[in-house]
Protein backbone atom coordinates (compact mmCIF):
# COMPACT_ATOMS: atom_id res chain seq x y z
CA MET A 1 274.28 155.34 46.22
CA ASN A 2 275.18 157.11 49.82
CA ILE A 3 275.37 161.04 49.24
CA LYS A 4 277.85 161.25 51.67
CA TRP A 5 280.23 159.59 49.29
CA LEU A 6 279.44 162.00 46.48
CA ASN A 7 280.15 164.86 48.52
CA THR A 8 283.55 163.76 49.70
CA PHE A 9 283.85 162.36 46.24
CA VAL A 10 283.04 166.06 44.71
CA THR A 11 285.51 167.68 47.28
CA ALA A 12 288.33 165.15 46.49
CA ALA A 13 287.93 166.69 42.84
CA THR A 14 288.16 170.08 44.13
CA TYR A 15 291.40 169.79 46.32
CA GLU A 16 292.85 166.92 44.70
CA ASN A 17 294.43 165.94 48.02
CA TYR A 18 293.36 163.54 50.73
CA ARG A 19 293.89 165.50 53.98
CA GLU A 20 292.53 168.77 52.27
CA THR A 21 289.40 167.13 52.13
CA SER A 22 289.52 165.81 55.28
CA GLU A 23 289.77 169.22 56.59
CA LYS A 24 287.17 170.70 54.63
CA LEU A 25 284.40 168.27 55.30
CA TYR A 26 285.57 167.92 59.45
CA ILE A 27 286.17 164.22 58.90
CA SER A 28 289.26 161.89 58.99
CA GLN A 29 291.56 161.12 56.53
CA PRO A 30 290.50 157.42 56.73
CA THR A 31 286.74 158.00 56.18
CA VAL A 32 287.48 160.02 52.90
CA SER A 33 289.65 156.81 51.81
CA VAL A 34 286.45 154.73 52.84
CA HIS A 35 283.92 157.24 50.89
CA ILE A 36 286.26 157.01 47.55
CA GLN A 37 286.72 153.42 47.58
CA GLN A 38 282.88 152.40 48.40
CA LEU A 39 281.83 154.84 45.52
CA GLU A 40 284.56 153.22 42.96
CA LYS A 41 282.83 149.91 44.32
CA GLU A 42 279.45 150.76 43.29
CA MET A 43 280.54 152.59 39.90
CA GLY A 44 282.54 149.19 39.11
CA THR A 45 285.91 151.71 38.13
CA LYS A 46 288.69 153.52 39.50
CA LEU A 47 287.51 157.99 39.96
CA PHE A 48 290.93 158.76 41.13
CA GLU A 49 294.61 157.92 40.53
CA LYS A 50 297.30 158.22 42.82
CA THR A 51 300.57 161.14 41.94
CA GLY A 52 302.82 161.47 44.89
CA ARG A 53 301.00 162.77 47.91
CA ASN A 54 297.89 164.15 45.72
CA ILE A 55 295.40 162.64 43.30
CA VAL A 56 293.59 162.96 40.30
CA LEU A 57 290.85 162.07 38.68
CA THR A 58 290.43 159.18 36.14
CA GLN A 59 289.13 159.42 32.52
CA ALA A 60 286.01 157.70 34.46
CA GLY A 61 285.94 159.87 37.23
CA ARG A 62 285.96 163.06 34.88
CA ARG A 63 283.25 161.84 33.23
CA PHE A 64 281.08 160.91 36.54
CA LEU A 65 281.72 164.60 37.97
CA PRO A 66 279.23 166.54 37.21
CA HIS A 67 276.54 164.12 37.22
CA ALA A 68 277.90 163.65 40.77
CA LYS A 69 277.36 167.52 41.06
CA ALA A 70 273.84 167.44 39.65
CA ILE A 71 272.75 165.05 42.20
CA ILE A 72 274.11 166.53 45.00
CA GLU A 73 272.49 169.69 43.65
CA SER A 74 269.22 167.60 43.24
CA TYR A 75 269.40 166.96 46.55
CA ASN A 76 270.11 170.29 48.42
CA ASP A 77 267.42 171.49 46.48
CA GLY A 78 264.81 168.74 47.17
CA LEU A 79 265.83 169.29 50.85
CA HIS A 80 265.04 172.87 51.13
CA GLN A 81 261.53 172.45 49.19
CA MET A 82 260.99 169.96 51.93
CA THR A 83 262.12 172.40 54.43
CA SER A 84 260.04 175.24 52.77
CA TRP A 85 256.99 173.49 53.02
CA GLN A 86 257.40 172.40 56.23
CA GLN A 87 257.73 175.99 56.75
CA GLY A 88 254.45 176.95 55.20
CA TYR A 89 255.44 178.49 52.66
CA SER A 90 254.01 177.49 49.07
CA GLN A 91 255.82 180.60 47.51
CA LYS A 92 259.28 181.95 46.96
CA LEU A 93 260.77 185.40 45.74
CA THR A 94 264.22 185.89 44.98
CA LEU A 95 265.71 189.29 45.21
CA ALA A 96 268.60 191.29 44.15
CA VAL A 97 269.71 193.81 46.49
CA SER A 98 272.60 196.52 46.29
CA PRO A 99 274.07 196.49 49.85
CA LEU A 100 272.95 199.84 50.21
CA ILE A 101 269.41 199.29 49.83
CA ALA A 102 270.06 196.00 52.07
CA SER A 103 271.74 197.81 54.96
CA SER A 104 269.20 200.75 54.78
CA ILE A 105 265.51 200.46 53.29
CA LEU A 106 265.26 196.93 53.14
CA PRO A 107 264.60 195.80 56.65
CA TYR A 108 261.85 197.68 57.20
CA THR A 109 260.32 196.98 53.82
CA LEU A 110 260.82 193.32 53.85
CA GLN A 111 259.47 192.49 57.23
CA GLN A 112 256.08 194.43 56.93
CA PHE A 113 255.74 192.44 53.11
CA MET A 114 256.49 189.12 54.86
CA LYS A 115 253.75 189.97 57.54
CA LEU A 116 251.48 190.73 54.89
CA HIS A 117 252.18 187.69 52.61
CA PRO A 118 253.77 185.03 55.20
CA GLN A 119 253.06 182.00 52.31
CA ILE A 120 256.04 183.51 50.10
CA GLU A 121 259.47 182.54 51.07
CA VAL A 122 262.17 185.39 50.25
CA VAL A 123 265.63 184.79 49.56
CA VAL A 124 267.83 188.11 49.71
CA GLN A 125 270.76 187.90 47.18
CA VAL A 126 272.81 190.66 48.17
CA SER A 127 275.28 191.85 44.80
CA ASP A 128 276.90 195.16 43.35
CA SER A 129 274.69 197.34 41.92
CA HIS A 130 276.23 196.99 38.32
CA GLN A 131 274.99 193.11 38.72
CA ILE A 132 271.36 193.08 39.48
CA GLY A 133 270.49 193.81 35.74
CA ASP A 134 271.94 190.94 34.69
CA MET A 135 270.69 188.67 37.43
CA VAL A 136 267.27 189.61 36.97
CA HIS A 137 268.03 189.07 33.08
CA ASN A 138 269.05 185.51 33.31
CA GLY A 139 266.55 184.69 35.88
CA GLN A 140 268.91 184.19 38.86
CA ALA A 141 266.29 186.62 40.76
CA ASP A 142 263.15 187.58 40.21
CA VAL A 143 263.19 191.30 41.63
CA GLY A 144 266.02 193.85 41.61
CA LEU A 145 266.44 196.75 43.61
CA SER A 146 269.68 198.86 42.34
CA ARG A 147 271.27 202.27 42.90
CA MET A 148 271.85 202.35 39.35
CA GLU A 149 269.95 202.01 36.10
CA PRO A 150 270.44 198.55 34.21
CA TYR A 151 271.66 198.69 30.76
CA GLY A 152 270.78 196.13 28.26
CA GLY A 153 269.36 192.62 28.54
CA ASN A 154 265.71 191.95 28.82
CA VAL A 155 264.40 193.87 31.62
CA LYS A 156 262.31 196.70 32.97
CA SER A 157 263.64 199.59 35.23
CA GLU A 158 262.00 202.37 36.86
CA VAL A 159 262.91 205.17 39.39
CA LEU A 160 261.49 203.57 42.83
CA TYR A 161 262.60 206.94 44.54
CA GLU A 162 265.04 209.52 44.85
CA ASP A 163 267.27 210.05 47.61
CA ARG A 164 268.91 213.34 48.88
CA VAL A 165 272.95 213.29 49.22
CA ILE A 166 274.25 214.98 52.39
CA LEU A 167 277.57 215.83 53.69
CA VAL A 168 278.00 214.22 56.77
CA VAL A 169 280.75 214.39 59.49
CA PRO A 170 281.20 212.88 63.03
CA HIS A 171 279.50 214.34 65.88
CA ASP A 172 281.58 216.79 68.02
CA GLY A 173 280.00 216.11 70.68
CA GLY A 174 278.41 219.99 71.02
CA ASP A 175 275.19 220.99 70.89
CA LEU A 176 273.77 221.06 67.27
CA GLU A 177 271.88 224.53 68.38
CA THR A 178 274.36 226.26 70.25
CA SER A 179 277.57 225.27 68.57
CA PRO A 180 279.69 226.94 65.84
CA PRO A 181 278.35 226.29 62.28
CA ILE A 182 281.10 223.76 60.66
CA ASP A 183 283.16 225.57 57.73
CA VAL A 184 283.30 223.43 54.83
CA GLU A 185 285.87 225.08 53.13
CA GLN A 186 288.43 224.52 56.42
CA LEU A 187 286.58 220.92 56.06
CA LEU A 188 287.84 220.41 52.46
CA LYS A 189 291.08 221.57 53.36
CA GLU A 190 291.86 219.81 56.47
CA GLU A 191 289.99 216.38 56.46
CA THR A 192 289.93 213.19 54.40
CA LEU A 193 287.06 212.91 52.38
CA PHE A 194 285.64 209.14 52.04
CA THR A 195 284.74 208.40 48.02
CA TYR A 196 282.83 205.87 45.46
CA ASN A 197 281.02 204.35 48.34
CA HIS A 198 278.14 204.71 45.39
CA PRO A 199 277.81 203.75 42.20
CA VAL A 200 276.80 207.23 40.37
CA TYR A 201 277.35 209.94 41.62
CA TRP A 202 281.17 210.56 42.62
CA ASP A 203 282.77 211.66 39.53
CA GLU A 204 280.26 215.10 38.85
CA LEU A 205 280.91 215.65 42.61
CA LEU A 206 284.55 215.64 43.06
CA THR A 207 284.74 217.59 40.13
CA GLU A 208 282.43 220.41 41.64
CA ILE A 209 284.11 219.38 45.19
CA ARG A 210 288.04 220.69 43.21
CA SER A 211 286.76 223.32 41.57
CA ILE A 212 286.35 224.88 45.21
CA TYR A 213 289.50 223.54 46.74
CA SER A 214 291.31 221.35 43.85
CA GLY A 215 294.15 220.24 46.83
CA ILE A 216 291.32 217.98 48.59
CA ARG A 217 292.44 214.80 50.40
CA THR A 218 290.49 211.54 49.33
CA MET A 219 290.47 207.95 49.99
CA VAL A 220 288.13 204.98 47.54
CA VAL A 221 286.14 203.01 50.33
CA SER A 222 283.64 201.10 48.39
CA HIS A 223 281.51 200.12 51.04
CA VAL A 224 278.74 202.33 52.72
CA HIS A 225 279.31 200.67 56.14
CA ILE A 226 282.78 201.20 56.10
CA THR A 227 282.76 204.31 55.63
CA LYS A 228 280.04 205.19 58.37
CA ARG A 229 282.61 203.35 60.78
CA PHE A 230 285.13 205.25 59.14
CA ILE A 231 283.33 208.89 59.71
CA GLU A 232 282.07 208.07 63.47
CA GLU A 233 285.85 207.31 64.02
CA GLY A 234 286.29 210.80 63.50
CA ILE A 235 288.93 209.83 60.57
CA GLY A 236 286.84 211.99 57.60
CA PHE A 237 283.66 212.58 56.05
CA SER A 238 281.70 211.71 53.12
CA PHE A 239 278.38 212.65 51.12
CA LEU A 240 276.20 209.63 51.56
CA PRO A 241 272.56 209.11 50.72
CA VAL A 242 270.20 210.75 53.59
CA SER A 243 268.54 207.13 54.20
CA THR A 244 271.86 204.94 54.31
CA VAL A 245 272.37 207.44 57.66
CA ARG A 246 269.18 208.17 59.17
CA ARG A 247 269.49 206.38 61.83
CA GLU A 248 273.54 207.46 62.90
CA LEU A 249 271.38 211.20 62.68
CA MET A 250 268.88 210.41 64.79
CA GLU A 251 271.44 208.81 67.52
CA GLY A 252 273.89 211.52 67.51
CA ARG A 253 276.89 209.64 65.96
CA MET A 254 277.60 211.89 62.75
CA MET A 255 276.07 215.44 61.69
CA GLU A 256 274.66 216.89 58.27
CA VAL A 257 276.61 219.74 57.40
CA HIS A 258 274.49 222.24 55.31
CA THR A 259 276.34 223.76 52.51
CA ASP A 260 275.48 226.25 49.53
CA LEU A 261 279.25 225.76 48.06
CA ILE A 262 278.12 222.44 46.35
CA ARG A 263 275.36 221.10 44.29
CA LEU A 264 274.50 217.86 45.86
CA PRO A 265 272.86 215.41 43.79
CA VAL A 266 270.05 213.30 44.17
CA ALA A 267 270.85 208.90 44.56
CA LYS A 268 268.25 207.16 42.71
CA THR A 269 267.07 203.53 43.29
CA TYR A 270 265.53 201.48 40.82
CA LEU A 271 263.21 198.81 40.64
CA VAL A 272 264.09 196.35 38.10
CA THR A 273 262.01 193.69 36.79
CA GLY A 274 261.96 190.86 34.09
CA ASN A 275 259.46 187.98 33.42
CA ALA A 276 258.76 187.14 36.65
CA GLY A 277 255.15 185.79 38.10
CA ARG A 278 252.76 186.71 40.53
CA GLU A 279 254.77 186.77 43.63
CA ALA A 280 257.30 189.32 41.81
CA ASP A 281 254.08 191.51 41.23
CA LEU A 282 252.81 192.06 44.55
CA PHE A 283 256.19 192.73 45.66
CA CYS A 284 256.63 195.68 43.14
CA GLU A 285 252.96 196.90 44.30
CA PHE A 286 253.94 196.41 47.80
CA LEU A 287 257.09 198.95 46.96
CA LYS A 288 255.53 201.05 44.49
CA LYS A 289 252.57 202.02 47.75
CA LYS A 290 255.39 202.43 49.92
CA PHE A 291 257.54 205.20 48.32
């Protein structure tokens, strides 16, 4: 049984149209027809029937579909295992990481860990913080790094480190030592505040900001990297964990504005673990030494 026939069959079952199947697989429509015919010949039964320009699975096709998907999955997993072995990997570690962490502390941390443990293949799944606890609980990930504490499920969590949240604005091009300080009250009245780019601290922070100036103009921007781009373009300002803007501050693309008007929160990063093996233990030990 040819794996290409199976792949064509599963794709055709999804799109129920030979033309769309051919476009998805980058093959011609006649090739799609040949693959289906060859598979039907080997199976000894019809897998599709035509309904106008479309196709639908027969009863036999519906019964075979989950088995075809399982064969393809097993085949792809086998290829991945062989590739990993050829690359020198003998162990595997899957991480579930929030976008904030993936774009800030993870690159350097991961680089150092991989140098210490070249035999461990690391897979990074970037997911929203509220999903990470479930991913570890369900075995989709061995270790999670989340910006919020997971609730429920058979997982353990602990604070890995705490991050100062700071007020950041676009750099005005002036000298930090000689330029006049930025007036925070004027900033609140005149500029747009980007909110909810972090899953935890915004409700309380907004309440405090509105107690100072109730007419603050806000814009929800749910991702930190988009928030940072908007700030650099001069569209507005925000309150972000310092680890997420450290490079922009060093390179002079943003400025930190110090203020005593607002009690700034602390952003916590949580290490989430379940019942994973030795690879997860090694990674957790490494992280705790780093932070």
